[in-house]
PDB file of N, CA and C in Angstrom:
ATOM      1  N   MET A   1       7.937  40.422 -26.588  1.00  0.00           N
ATOM      2  CA  MET A   1       8.682  39.376 -25.473  1.00  0.00           C
ATOM      3  C   MET A   1       7.772  39.195 -24.018  1.00  0.00           C
ATOM      4  N   LYS A   2       6.593  40.410 -24.596  1.00  0.00           N
ATOM      5  CA  LYS A   2       5.639  40.228 -23.063  1.00  0.00           C
ATOM      6  C   LYS A   2       4.878  39.219 -23.747  1.00  0.00           C
ATOM      7  N   MET A   3       4.263  39.345 -24.671  1.00  0.00           N
ATOM      8  CA  MET A   3       3.342  37.818 -25.014  1.00  0.00           C
ATOM      9  C   MET A   3       3.806  36.659 -24.321  1.00  0.00           C
ATOM     10  N   ASN A   4       5.363  36.446 -25.004  1.00  0.00           N
ATOM     11  CA  ASN A   4       6.016  35.020 -24.847  1.00  0.00           C
ATOM     12  C   ASN A   4       5.931  35.024 -23.309  1.00  0.00           C
ATOM     13  N   ALA A   5       6.152  35.846 -22.183  1.00  0.00           N
ATOM     14  CA  ALA A   5       5.806  35.891 -20.667  1.00  0.00           C
ATOM     15  C   ALA A   5       4.750  35.784 -20.532  1.00  0.00           C
ATOM     16  N   ARG A   6       3.482  36.015 -21.178  1.00  0.00           N
ATOM     17  CA  ARG A   6       2.283  35.825 -20.576  1.00  0.00           C
ATOM     18  C   ARG A   6       1.730  34.646 -21.269  1.00  0.00           C
ATOM     19  N   THR A   7       2.149  34.173 -22.373  1.00  0.00           N
ATOM     20  CA  THR A   7       2.054  32.604 -22.471  1.00  0.00           C
ATOM     21  C   THR A   7       2.611  31.708 -21.660  1.00  0.00           C
ATOM     22  N   LEU A   8       3.715  31.801 -21.419  1.00  0.00           N
ATOM     23  CA  LEU A   8       4.284  31.188 -20.727  1.00  0.00           C
ATOM     24  C   LEU A   8       3.610  30.882 -19.461  1.00  0.00           C
ATOM     25  N   LEU A   9       3.529  31.940 -18.696  1.00  0.00           N
ATOM     26  CA  LEU A   9       2.862  32.336 -17.085  1.00  0.00           C
ATOM     27  C   LEU A   9       1.339  31.045 -17.275  1.00  0.00           C
ATOM     28  N   ALA A  10       1.021  31.781 -18.480  1.00  0.00           N
ATOM     29  CA  ALA A  10      -0.763  30.952 -18.741  1.00  0.00           C
ATOM     30  C   ALA A  10      -0.650  29.935 -18.543  1.00  0.00           C
ATOM     31  N   ALA A  11       0.232  28.947 -19.460  1.00  0.00           N
ATOM     32  CA  ALA A  11       0.441  27.610 -19.572  1.00  0.00           C
ATOM     33  C   ALA A  11       0.768  26.806 -18.332  1.00  0.00           C
ATOM     34  N   THR A  12       1.649  27.208 -17.746  1.00  0.00           N
ATOM     35  CA  THR A  12       2.354  27.081 -16.721  1.00  0.00           C
ATOM     36  C   THR A  12       1.089  26.925 -15.752  1.00  0.00           C
ATOM     37  N   ALA A  13       0.083  28.031 -15.512  1.00  0.00           N
ATOM     38  CA  ALA A  13      -0.493  28.243 -14.435  1.00  0.00           C
ATOM     39  C   ALA A  13      -1.628  26.915 -14.700  1.00  0.00           C
ATOM     40  N   LEU A  14      -2.184  26.403 -15.900  1.00  0.00           N
ATOM     41  CA  LEU A  14      -3.269  25.379 -16.915  1.00  0.00           C
ATOM     42  C   LEU A  14      -2.826  23.917 -16.251  1.00  0.00           C
ATOM     43  N   ALA A  15      -1.327  24.103 -16.324  1.00  0.00           N
ATOM     44  CA  ALA A  15      -0.749  22.602 -16.221  1.00  0.00           C
ATOM     45  C   ALA A  15      -0.822  22.588 -14.719  1.00  0.00           C
ATOM     46  N   ALA A  16      -0.766  23.492 -13.679  1.00  0.00           N
ATOM     47  CA  ALA A  16      -1.181  23.181 -12.584  1.00  0.00           C
ATOM     48  C   ALA A  16      -2.113  23.229 -12.151  1.00  0.00           C
ATOM     49  N   ALA A  17      -3.181  23.922 -12.337  1.00  0.00           N
ATOM     50  CA  ALA A  17      -4.364  23.532 -12.659  1.00  0.00           C
ATOM     51  C   ALA A  17      -5.111  21.895 -12.388  1.00  0.00           C
ATOM     52  N   ALA A  18      -4.497  21.618 -13.836  1.00  0.00           N
ATOM     53  CA  ALA A  18      -4.722  19.997 -14.389  1.00  0.00           C
ATOM     54  C   ALA A  18      -4.141  19.205 -13.746  1.00  0.00           C
ATOM     55  N   LEU A  19      -3.030  19.720 -12.767  1.00  0.00           N
ATOM     56  CA  LEU A  19      -2.545  18.582 -12.288  1.00  0.00           C
ATOM     57  C   LEU A  19      -3.341  17.925 -10.713  1.00  0.00           C
ATOM     58  N   ALA A  20      -3.990  19.740 -10.138  1.00  0.00           N
ATOM     59  CA  ALA A  20      -4.394  19.493  -8.836  1.00  0.00           C
ATOM     60  C   ALA A  20      -5.660  19.176  -9.167  1.00  0.00           C
ATOM     61  N   THR A  21      -6.810  19.055 -10.049  1.00  0.00           N
ATOM     62  CA  THR A  21      -7.753  18.808 -10.598  1.00  0.00           C
ATOM     63  C   THR A  21      -8.265  17.053 -10.720  1.00  0.00           C
ATOM     64  N   THR A  22      -6.715  16.489 -11.135  1.00  0.00           N
ATOM     65  CA  THR A  22      -6.706  14.773 -11.583  1.00  0.00           C
ATOM     66  C   THR A  22      -6.660  14.048 -10.811  1.00  0.00           C
ATOM     67  N   GLY A  23      -6.431  14.311  -8.953  1.00  0.00           N
ATOM     68  CA  GLY A  23      -5.961  13.362  -8.168  1.00  0.00           C
ATOM     69  C   GLY A  23      -4.710  12.535  -8.503  1.00  0.00           C
ATOM     70  N   CYS A  24      -3.809  12.654  -9.257  1.00  0.00           N
ATOM     71  CA  CYS A  24      -2.536  12.267  -9.491  1.00  0.00           C
ATOM     72  C   CYS A  24      -2.806  10.541  -8.477  1.00  0.00           C
ATOM     73  N   ALA A  25      -3.145  10.191  -9.864  1.00  0.00           N
ATOM     74  CA  ALA A  25      -3.253   8.731  -9.518  1.00  0.00           C
ATOM     75  C   ALA A  25      -1.633   8.142  -9.139  1.00  0.00           C
ATOM     76  N   VAL A  26      -1.743   7.046  -8.535  1.00  0.00           N
ATOM     77  CA  VAL A  26      -0.046   6.549  -7.565  1.00  0.00           C
ATOM     78  C   VAL A  26       0.240   5.566  -8.376  1.00  0.00           C
ATOM     79  N   VAL A  27      -1.014   4.509  -8.533  1.00  0.00           N
ATOM     80  CA  VAL A  27      -0.068   3.294  -9.629  1.00  0.00           C
ATOM     81  C   VAL A  27      -1.094   2.942 -10.090  1.00  0.00           C
ATOM     82  N   ARG A  28      -1.094   3.544 -11.536  1.00  0.00           N
ATOM     83  CA  ARG A  28      -1.329   3.006 -12.345  1.00  0.00           C
ATOM     84  C   ARG A  28      -3.007   3.369 -12.634  1.00  0.00           C
ATOM     85  N   GLY A  29      -3.247   4.759 -11.811  1.00  0.00           N
ATOM     86  CA  GLY A  29      -4.616   4.702 -11.681  1.00  0.00           C
ATOM     87  C   GLY A  29      -5.481   4.115 -10.991  1.00  0.00           C
ATOM     88  N   GLN A  30      -4.940   3.527  -9.923  1.00  0.00           N
ATOM     89  CA  GLN A  30      -5.578   2.550  -8.989  1.00  0.00           C
ATOM     90  C   GLN A  30      -5.985   3.091  -7.898  1.00  0.00           C
ATOM     91  N   GLU A  31      -5.556   4.257  -6.981  1.00  0.00           N
ATOM     92  CA  GLU A  31      -5.616   5.001  -5.604  1.00  0.00           C
ATOM     93  C   GLU A  31      -4.939   6.286  -6.087  1.00  0.00           C
ATOM     94  N   SER A  32      -5.485   7.423  -5.447  1.00  0.00           N
ATOM     95  CA  SER A  32      -5.293   8.222  -4.968  1.00  0.00           C
ATOM     96  C   SER A  32      -3.636   8.542  -4.076  1.00  0.00           C
ATOM     97  N   ALA A  33      -3.232   9.736  -4.278  1.00  0.00           N
ATOM     98  CA  ALA A  33      -2.247  10.137  -3.321  1.00  0.00           C
ATOM     99  C   ALA A  33      -1.939   9.922  -1.897  1.00  0.00           C
ATOM    100  N   GLY A  34      -3.515   9.805  -1.413  1.00  0.00           N
ATOM    101  CA  GLY A  34      -4.154  10.124  -0.221  1.00  0.00           C
ATOM    102  C   GLY A  34      -3.933   8.677   0.699  1.00  0.00           C
ATOM    103  N   ALA A  35      -4.954   7.563  -0.796  1.00  0.00           N
ATOM    104  CA  ALA A  35      -4.762   6.157  -0.499  1.00  0.00           C
ATOM    105  C   ALA A  35      -3.403   5.547  -0.712  1.00  0.00           C
ATOM    106  N   TYR A  36      -2.831   6.209  -1.114  1.00  0.00           N
ATOM    107  CA  TYR A  36      -1.522   5.312  -1.247  1.00  0.00           C
ATOM    108  C   TYR A  36      -0.720   5.636   0.421  1.00  0.00           C
ATOM    109  N   VAL A  37      -0.643   7.047   0.793  1.00  0.00           N
ATOM    110  CA  VAL A  37      -0.310   7.001   2.131  1.00  0.00           C
ATOM    111  C   VAL A  37      -0.710   6.238   3.052  1.00  0.00           C
ATOM    112  N   ASP A  38      -2.241   6.146   3.498  1.00  0.00           N
ATOM    113  CA  ASP A  38      -2.932   5.313   4.204  1.00  0.00           C
ATOM    114  C   ASP A  38      -2.619   3.803   3.918  1.00  0.00           C
ATOM    115  N   ASP A  39      -2.501   3.137   3.092  1.00  0.00           N
ATOM    116  CA  ASP A  39      -1.989   1.619   2.453  1.00  0.00           C
ATOM    117  C   ASP A  39      -0.625   1.925   2.573  1.00  0.00           C
ATOM    118  N   THR A  40       0.211   2.410   2.722  1.00  0.00           N
ATOM    119  CA  THR A  40       1.683   2.419   3.207  1.00  0.00           C
ATOM    120  C   THR A  40       1.559   2.288   4.772  1.00  0.00           C
ATOM    121  N   ALA A  41       0.915   3.115   5.510  1.00  0.00           N
ATOM    122  CA  ALA A  41       0.780   3.021   6.416  1.00  0.00           C
ATOM    123  C   ALA A  41       0.223   1.681   6.974  1.00  0.00           C
ATOM    124  N   THR A  42      -0.669   1.080   6.693  1.00  0.00           N
ATOM    125  CA  THR A  42      -1.061  -0.033   7.013  1.00  0.00           C
ATOM    126  C   THR A  42       0.168  -1.404   6.652  1.00  0.00           C
ATOM    127  N   THR A  43       0.546  -1.330   5.496  1.00  0.00           N
ATOM    128  CA  THR A  43       1.262  -2.562   5.462  1.00  0.00           C
ATOM    129  C   THR A  43       2.716  -2.369   6.704  1.00  0.00           C
ATOM    130  N   THR A  44       2.968  -1.136   6.954  1.00  0.00           N
ATOM    131  CA  THR A  44       3.917  -0.674   7.697  1.00  0.00           C
ATOM    132  C   THR A  44       3.688  -1.190   8.798  1.00  0.00           C
ATOM    133  N   ALA A  45       2.086  -1.170   9.568  1.00  0.00           N
ATOM    134  CA  ALA A  45       1.621  -1.597  10.748  1.00  0.00           C
ATOM    135  C   ALA A  45       1.238  -3.286  10.777  1.00  0.00           C
ATOM    136  N   VAL A  46       1.087  -3.828   9.319  1.00  0.00           N
ATOM    137  CA  VAL A  46       1.177  -5.181   9.553  1.00  0.00           C
ATOM    138  C   VAL A  46       2.719  -5.807   9.172  1.00  0.00           C
ATOM    139  N   LYS A  47       3.350  -5.301   8.768  1.00  0.00           N
ATOM    140  CA  LYS A  47       5.092  -5.790   9.264  1.00  0.00           C
ATOM    141  C   LYS A  47       5.093  -5.247  10.958  1.00  0.00           C
ATOM    142  N   ALA A  48       5.122  -4.572  11.347  1.00  0.00           N
ATOM    143  CA  ALA A  48       5.858  -4.272  12.729  1.00  0.00           C
ATOM    144  C   ALA A  48       4.927  -5.066  13.298  1.00  0.00           C
ATOM    145  N   LYS A  49       3.784  -5.800  13.353  1.00  0.00           N
ATOM    146  CA  LYS A  49       2.985  -6.811  13.998  1.00  0.00           C
ATOM    147  C   LYS A  49       3.889  -8.138  13.852  1.00  0.00           C
ATOM    148  N   PHE A  50       4.036  -8.245  12.191  1.00  0.00           N
ATOM    149  CA  PHE A  50       5.080 -10.002  12.057  1.00  0.00           C
ATOM    150  C   PHE A  50       6.067  -9.729  13.249  1.00  0.00           C
ATOM    151  N   VAL A  51       7.102  -8.724  13.213  1.00  0.00           N
ATOM    152  CA  VAL A  51       8.056  -8.297  13.752  1.00  0.00           C
ATOM    153  C   VAL A  51       7.919  -8.750  14.959  1.00  0.00           C
ATOM    154  N   GLU A  52       7.279  -7.908  15.707  1.00  0.00           N
ATOM    155  CA  GLU A  52       6.445  -8.396  16.991  1.00  0.00           C
ATOM    156  C   GLU A  52       6.037 -10.115  17.543  1.00  0.00           C
ATOM    157  N   ASP A  53       5.816 -10.411  16.473  1.00  0.00           N
ATOM    158  CA  ASP A  53       5.067 -12.231  16.854  1.00  0.00           C
ATOM    159  C   ASP A  53       6.255 -12.712  16.666  1.00  0.00           C
ATOM    160  N   LYS A  54       6.357 -13.785  17.847  1.00  0.00           N
ATOM    161  CA  LYS A  54       7.905 -14.694  17.541  1.00  0.00           C
ATOM    162  C   LYS A  54       7.292 -16.234  16.953  1.00  0.00           C
ATOM    163  N   THR A  55       5.669 -16.332  16.064  1.00  0.00           N
ATOM    164  CA  THR A  55       5.215 -17.097  15.749  1.00  0.00           C
ATOM    165  C   THR A  55       5.279 -16.762  14.277  1.00  0.00           C
ATOM    166  N   VAL A  56       5.773 -15.896  13.797  1.00  0.00           N
ATOM    167  CA  VAL A  56       5.723 -15.531  12.243  1.00  0.00           C
ATOM    168  C   VAL A  56       7.001 -15.027  11.210  1.00  0.00           C
ATOM    169  N   ASP A  57       7.390 -15.249  10.749  1.00  0.00           N
ATOM    170  CA  ASP A  57       9.431 -15.122  10.485  1.00  0.00           C
ATOM    171  C   ASP A  57       8.189 -13.827   9.188  1.00  0.00           C
ATOM    172  N   ALA A  58       8.904 -12.593   9.724  1.00  0.00           N
ATOM    173  CA  ALA A  58       8.541 -11.236   8.690  1.00  0.00           C
ATOM    174  C   ALA A  58       9.514 -11.338   7.629  1.00  0.00           C
ATOM    175  N   GLY A  59      10.586 -11.953   7.703  1.00  0.00           N
ATOM    176  CA  GLY A  59      10.865 -12.082   6.445  1.00  0.00           C
ATOM    177  C   GLY A  59      10.786 -12.769   5.496  1.00  0.00           C
ATOM    178  N   ALA A  60      10.082 -13.709   5.783  1.00  0.00           N
ATOM    179  CA  ALA A  60       9.532 -14.651   4.721  1.00  0.00           C
ATOM    180  C   ALA A  60       8.238 -14.086   3.845  1.00  0.00           C
ATOM    181  N   ILE A  61       7.539 -13.577   4.845  1.00  0.00           N
ATOM    182  CA  ILE A  61       6.304 -13.098   4.306  1.00  0.00           C
ATOM    183  C   ILE A  61       6.262 -11.551   3.737  1.00  0.00           C
ATOM    184  N   LYS A  62       5.684 -11.335   2.823  1.00  0.00           N
ATOM    185  CA  LYS A  62       5.913 -10.078   1.488  1.00  0.00           C
ATOM    186  C   LYS A  62       4.101  -9.690   2.231  1.00  0.00           C
ATOM    187  N   VAL A  63       4.210  -8.224   2.360  1.00  0.00           N
ATOM    188  CA  VAL A  63       2.629  -7.032   2.156  1.00  0.00           C
ATOM    189  C   VAL A  63       2.837  -6.543   1.492  1.00  0.00           C
ATOM    190  N   GLU A  64       1.560  -6.475   0.747  1.00  0.00           N
ATOM    191  CA  GLU A  64       1.190  -5.444   0.010  1.00  0.00           C
ATOM    192  C   GLU A  64      -0.250  -4.582   0.026  1.00  0.00           C
ATOM    193  N   THR A  65      -0.517  -3.998   0.167  1.00  0.00           N
ATOM    194  CA  THR A  65      -1.613  -3.298   0.579  1.00  0.00           C
ATOM    195  C   THR A  65      -2.527  -2.621  -0.763  1.00  0.00           C
ATOM    196  N   LEU A  66      -3.486  -2.753  -1.217  1.00  0.00           N
ATOM    197  CA  LEU A  66      -4.618  -1.372  -2.035  1.00  0.00           C
ATOM    198  C   LEU A  66      -5.430  -1.405  -1.603  1.00  0.00           C
ATOM    199  N   ASN A  67      -5.752  -0.059  -1.328  1.00  0.00           N
ATOM    200  CA  ASN A  67      -7.236   0.387  -0.886  1.00  0.00           C
ATOM    201  C   ASN A  67      -7.820  -0.089   0.237  1.00  0.00           C
ATOM    202  N   GLY A  68      -6.553  -1.070   1.207  1.00  0.00           N
ATOM    203  CA  GLY A  68      -7.013  -1.248   2.453  1.00  0.00           C
ATOM    204  C   GLY A  68      -7.248  -2.726   2.369  1.00  0.00           C
ATOM    205  N   THR A  69      -7.033  -3.254   0.729  1.00  0.00           N
ATOM    206  CA  THR A  69      -7.249  -5.086   1.031  1.00  0.00           C
ATOM    207  C   THR A  69      -5.466  -5.427   1.175  1.00  0.00           C
ATOM    208  N   VAL A  70      -5.166  -5.986   2.148  1.00  0.00           N
ATOM    209  CA  VAL A  70      -3.466  -6.530   2.618  1.00  0.00           C
ATOM    210  C   VAL A  70      -3.492  -7.406   1.555  1.00  0.00           C
ATOM    211  N   GLN A  71      -2.518  -8.075   0.954  1.00  0.00           N
ATOM    212  CA  GLN A  71      -2.305  -9.007   0.292  1.00  0.00           C
ATOM    213  C   GLN A  71      -1.244  -9.566   1.295  1.00  0.00           C
ATOM    214  N   LEU A  72      -1.196 -11.309   1.477  1.00  0.00           N
ATOM    215  CA  LEU A  72       0.063 -11.679   2.050  1.00  0.00           C
ATOM    216  C   LEU A  72       0.272 -12.883   0.918  1.00  0.00           C
ATOM    217  N   SER A  73       2.295 -12.834   0.646  1.00  0.00           N
ATOM    218  CA  SER A  73       2.835 -13.647   0.191  1.00  0.00           C
ATOM    219  C   SER A  73       3.943 -14.141   0.787  1.00  0.00           C
ATOM    220  N   GLY A  74       4.490 -15.202   0.005  1.00  0.00           N
ATOM    221  CA  GLY A  74       5.404 -15.908   0.681  1.00  0.00           C
ATOM    222  C   GLY A  74       5.218 -17.463   1.288  1.00  0.00           C
ATOM    223  N   PHE A  75       6.651 -17.493   1.926  1.00  0.00           N
ATOM    224  CA  PHE A  75       6.542 -18.728   2.983  1.00  0.00           C
ATOM    225  C   PHE A  75       6.324 -19.156   4.057  1.00  0.00           C
ATOM    226  N   ALA A  76       5.752 -20.266   4.851  1.00  0.00           N
ATOM    227  CA  ALA A  76       4.980 -19.972   6.139  1.00  0.00           C
ATOM    228  C   ALA A  76       5.652 -21.441   6.383  1.00  0.00           C
ATOM    229  N   LYS A  77       6.345 -22.278   7.463  1.00  0.00           N
ATOM    230  CA  LYS A  77       6.618 -23.115   8.167  1.00  0.00           C
ATOM    231  C   LYS A  77       5.297 -24.071   8.150  1.00  0.00           C
ATOM    232  N   SER A  78       4.479 -23.848   8.723  1.00  0.00           N
ATOM    233  CA  SER A  78       3.295 -24.314   9.214  1.00  0.00           C
ATOM    234  C   SER A  78       2.221 -23.679   8.728  1.00  0.00           C
ATOM    235  N   ASN A  79       0.714 -24.917   8.551  1.00  0.00           N
ATOM    236  CA  ASN A  79      -0.560 -23.648   8.798  1.00  0.00           C
ATOM    237  C   ASN A  79      -0.735 -22.698  10.011  1.00  0.00           C
ATOM    238  N   ALA A  80      -0.187 -23.313  10.834  1.00  0.00           N
ATOM    239  CA  ALA A  80      -0.166 -22.383  12.433  1.00  0.00           C
ATOM    240  C   ALA A  80       0.294 -21.118  11.920  1.00  0.00           C
ATOM    241  N   GLU A  81       1.637 -20.843  11.405  1.00  0.00           N
ATOM    242  CA  GLU A  81       2.229 -19.972  10.939  1.00  0.00           C
ATOM    243  C   GLU A  81       1.659 -18.970   9.724  1.00  0.00           C
ATOM    244  N   LYS A  82       0.940 -19.187   8.627  1.00  0.00           N
ATOM    245  CA  LYS A  82       0.234 -19.227   7.919  1.00  0.00           C
ATOM    246  C   LYS A  82      -1.318 -18.124   8.612  1.00  0.00           C
ATOM    247  N   ALA A  83      -2.034 -19.272   9.529  1.00  0.00           N
ATOM    248  CA  ALA A  83      -3.186 -18.950  10.060  1.00  0.00           C
ATOM    249  C   ALA A  83      -2.630 -17.470  10.724  1.00  0.00           C
ATOM    250  N   GLN A  84      -1.546 -17.406  11.758  1.00  0.00           N
ATOM    251  CA  GLN A  84      -1.150 -16.427  12.333  1.00  0.00           C
ATOM    252  C   GLN A  84      -0.552 -14.887  11.751  1.00  0.00           C
ATOM    253  N   ALA A  85      -0.337 -14.996  10.661  1.00  0.00           N
ATOM    254  CA  ALA A  85      -0.080 -14.168   9.928  1.00  0.00           C
ATOM    255  C   ALA A  85      -1.452 -13.375   9.709  1.00  0.00           C
ATOM    256  N   GLU A  86      -2.550 -14.229   8.912  1.00  0.00           N
ATOM    257  CA  GLU A  86      -3.448 -13.735   8.736  1.00  0.00           C
ATOM    258  C   GLU A  86      -4.343 -13.078  10.038  1.00  0.00           C
ATOM    259  N   TYR A  87      -4.298 -13.569  11.037  1.00  0.00           N
ATOM    260  CA  TYR A  87      -4.906 -12.729  12.020  1.00  0.00           C
ATOM    261  C   TYR A  87      -4.451 -11.594  12.589  1.00  0.00           C
ATOM    262  N   LEU A  88      -3.074 -11.789  12.860  1.00  0.00           N
ATOM    263  CA  LEU A  88      -2.633 -10.461  12.869  1.00  0.00           C
ATOM    264  C   LEU A  88      -2.903  -9.148  11.895  1.00  0.00           C
ATOM    265  N   ALA A  89      -2.973  -9.483  10.122  1.00  0.00           N
ATOM    266  CA  ALA A  89      -3.105  -8.714   9.564  1.00  0.00           C
ATOM    267  C   ALA A  89      -4.843  -8.635   9.428  1.00  0.00           C
ATOM    268  N   ARG A  90      -5.567  -9.437   9.978  1.00  0.00           N
ATOM    269  CA  ARG A  90      -7.013  -8.595   9.648  1.00  0.00           C
ATOM    270  C   ARG A  90      -7.604  -8.044  11.401  1.00  0.00           C
ATOM    271  N   ASN A  91      -7.043  -8.000  11.792  1.00  0.00           N
ATOM    272  CA  ASN A  91      -6.637  -7.107  13.546  1.00  0.00           C
ATOM    273  C   ASN A  91      -5.862  -5.735  12.967  1.00  0.00           C
ATOM    274  N   THR A  92      -5.550  -5.304  12.105  1.00  0.00           N
ATOM    275  CA  THR A  92      -4.680  -4.053  11.942  1.00  0.00           C
ATOM    276  C   THR A  92      -5.391  -3.109  11.868  1.00  0.00           C
ATOM    277  N   LYS A  93      -5.507  -1.635  12.193  1.00  0.00           N
ATOM    278  CA  LYS A  93      -6.259  -0.682  11.933  1.00  0.00           C
ATOM    279  C   LYS A  93      -5.741  -0.387  10.445  1.00  0.00           C
ATOM    280  N   GLY A  94      -7.337  -0.244   9.689  1.00  0.00           N
ATOM    281  CA  GLY A  94      -7.162   0.161   8.376  1.00  0.00           C
ATOM    282  C   GLY A  94      -7.518  -0.845   6.788  1.00  0.00           C
ATOM    283  N   VAL A  95      -7.011  -2.195   7.816  1.00  0.00           N
ATOM    284  CA  VAL A  95      -7.345  -3.240   6.814  1.00  0.00           C
ATOM    285  C   VAL A  95      -8.941  -3.683   6.622  1.00  0.00           C
ATOM    286  N   ARG A  96      -8.981  -3.662   5.456  1.00  0.00           N
ATOM    287  CA  ARG A  96     -10.501  -3.921   4.869  1.00  0.00           C
ATOM    288  C   ARG A  96     -10.622  -5.202   4.701  1.00  0.00           C
ATOM    289  N   SER A  97      -9.937  -6.199   4.381  1.00  0.00           N
ATOM    290  CA  SER A  97      -9.781  -7.334   3.827  1.00  0.00           C
ATOM    291  C   SER A  97      -8.309  -7.581   3.881  1.00  0.00           C
ATOM    292  N   VAL A  98      -7.970  -9.362   3.634  1.00  0.00           N
ATOM    293  CA  VAL A  98      -6.784  -9.496   3.858  1.00  0.00           C
ATOM    294  C   VAL A  98      -7.043 -11.049   2.448  1.00  0.00           C
ATOM    295  N   ARG A  99      -6.022 -10.891   2.070  1.00  0.00           N
ATOM    296  CA  ARG A  99      -5.722 -12.339   0.580  1.00  0.00           C
ATOM    297  C   ARG A  99      -4.951 -13.085   1.422  1.00  0.00           C
ATOM    298  N   ASN A 100      -4.729 -13.770   1.530  1.00  0.00           N
ATOM    299  CA  ASN A 100      -3.922 -14.736   2.004  1.00  0.00           C
ATOM    300  C   ASN A 100      -3.318 -15.902   0.893  1.00  0.00           C
ATOM    301  N   ASP A 101      -2.238 -15.256   0.725  1.00  0.00           N
ATOM    302  CA  ASP A 101      -1.513 -16.670  -0.765  1.00  0.00           C
ATOM    303  C   ASP A 101      -0.180 -16.889  -0.570  1.00  0.00           C
ATOM    304  N   ILE A 102      -0.168 -16.909   1.359  1.00  0.00           N
ATOM    305  CA  ILE A 102       1.254 -17.923   1.841  1.00  0.00           C
ATOM    306  C   ILE A 102       0.813 -19.026   1.235  1.00  0.00           C
ATOM    307  N   ILE A 103       1.978 -19.492   0.781  1.00  0.00           N
ATOM    308  CA  ILE A 103       2.599 -21.147   0.974  1.00  0.00           C
ATOM    309  C   ILE A 103       3.305 -21.669   2.055  1.00  0.00           C
ATOM    310  N   VAL A 104       2.545 -22.339   2.323  1.00  0.00           N
ATOM    311  CA  VAL A 104       3.177 -23.857   3.091  1.00  0.00           C
ATOM    312  C   VAL A 104       4.024 -24.335   3.162  1.00  0.00           C
ATOM    313  N   ARG A 105       5.365 -24.474   3.296  1.00  0.00           N
ATOM    314  CA  ARG A 105       6.828 -25.252   2.877  1.00  0.00           C
ATOM    315  C   ARG A 105       7.577 -25.369   4.000  1.00  0.00           C
ATOM    316  N   PRO A 106       7.418 -26.849   4.393  1.00  0.00           N
ATOM    317  CA  PRO A 106       8.169 -27.274   5.857  1.00  0.00           C
ATOM    318  C   PRO A 106       9.527 -27.333   5.490  1.00  0.00           C
TER     319      PRO A 106
END
């Protein structure tokens, strides 16, 4: 009985050590847990700027962030709205680059 308890304890310790050293990839091995938290904060900050700006329809534009690269998608009513969304995203803390895939649809 003691042998089984020791084996279980050793297996648990090895599993915990393996999880601690792998870095826990969050999205299909693309980023670490820390990078995921940073990207989530960046996405939230960009969306908040969209809500504050009256020229950008925050509900029509989707924001996703991966390793500091922000991707904008969705629809804008004009080229000016598309450009303003990109400007706001580029000038947000934590943004390394912006991929603007917004489609202008009047």
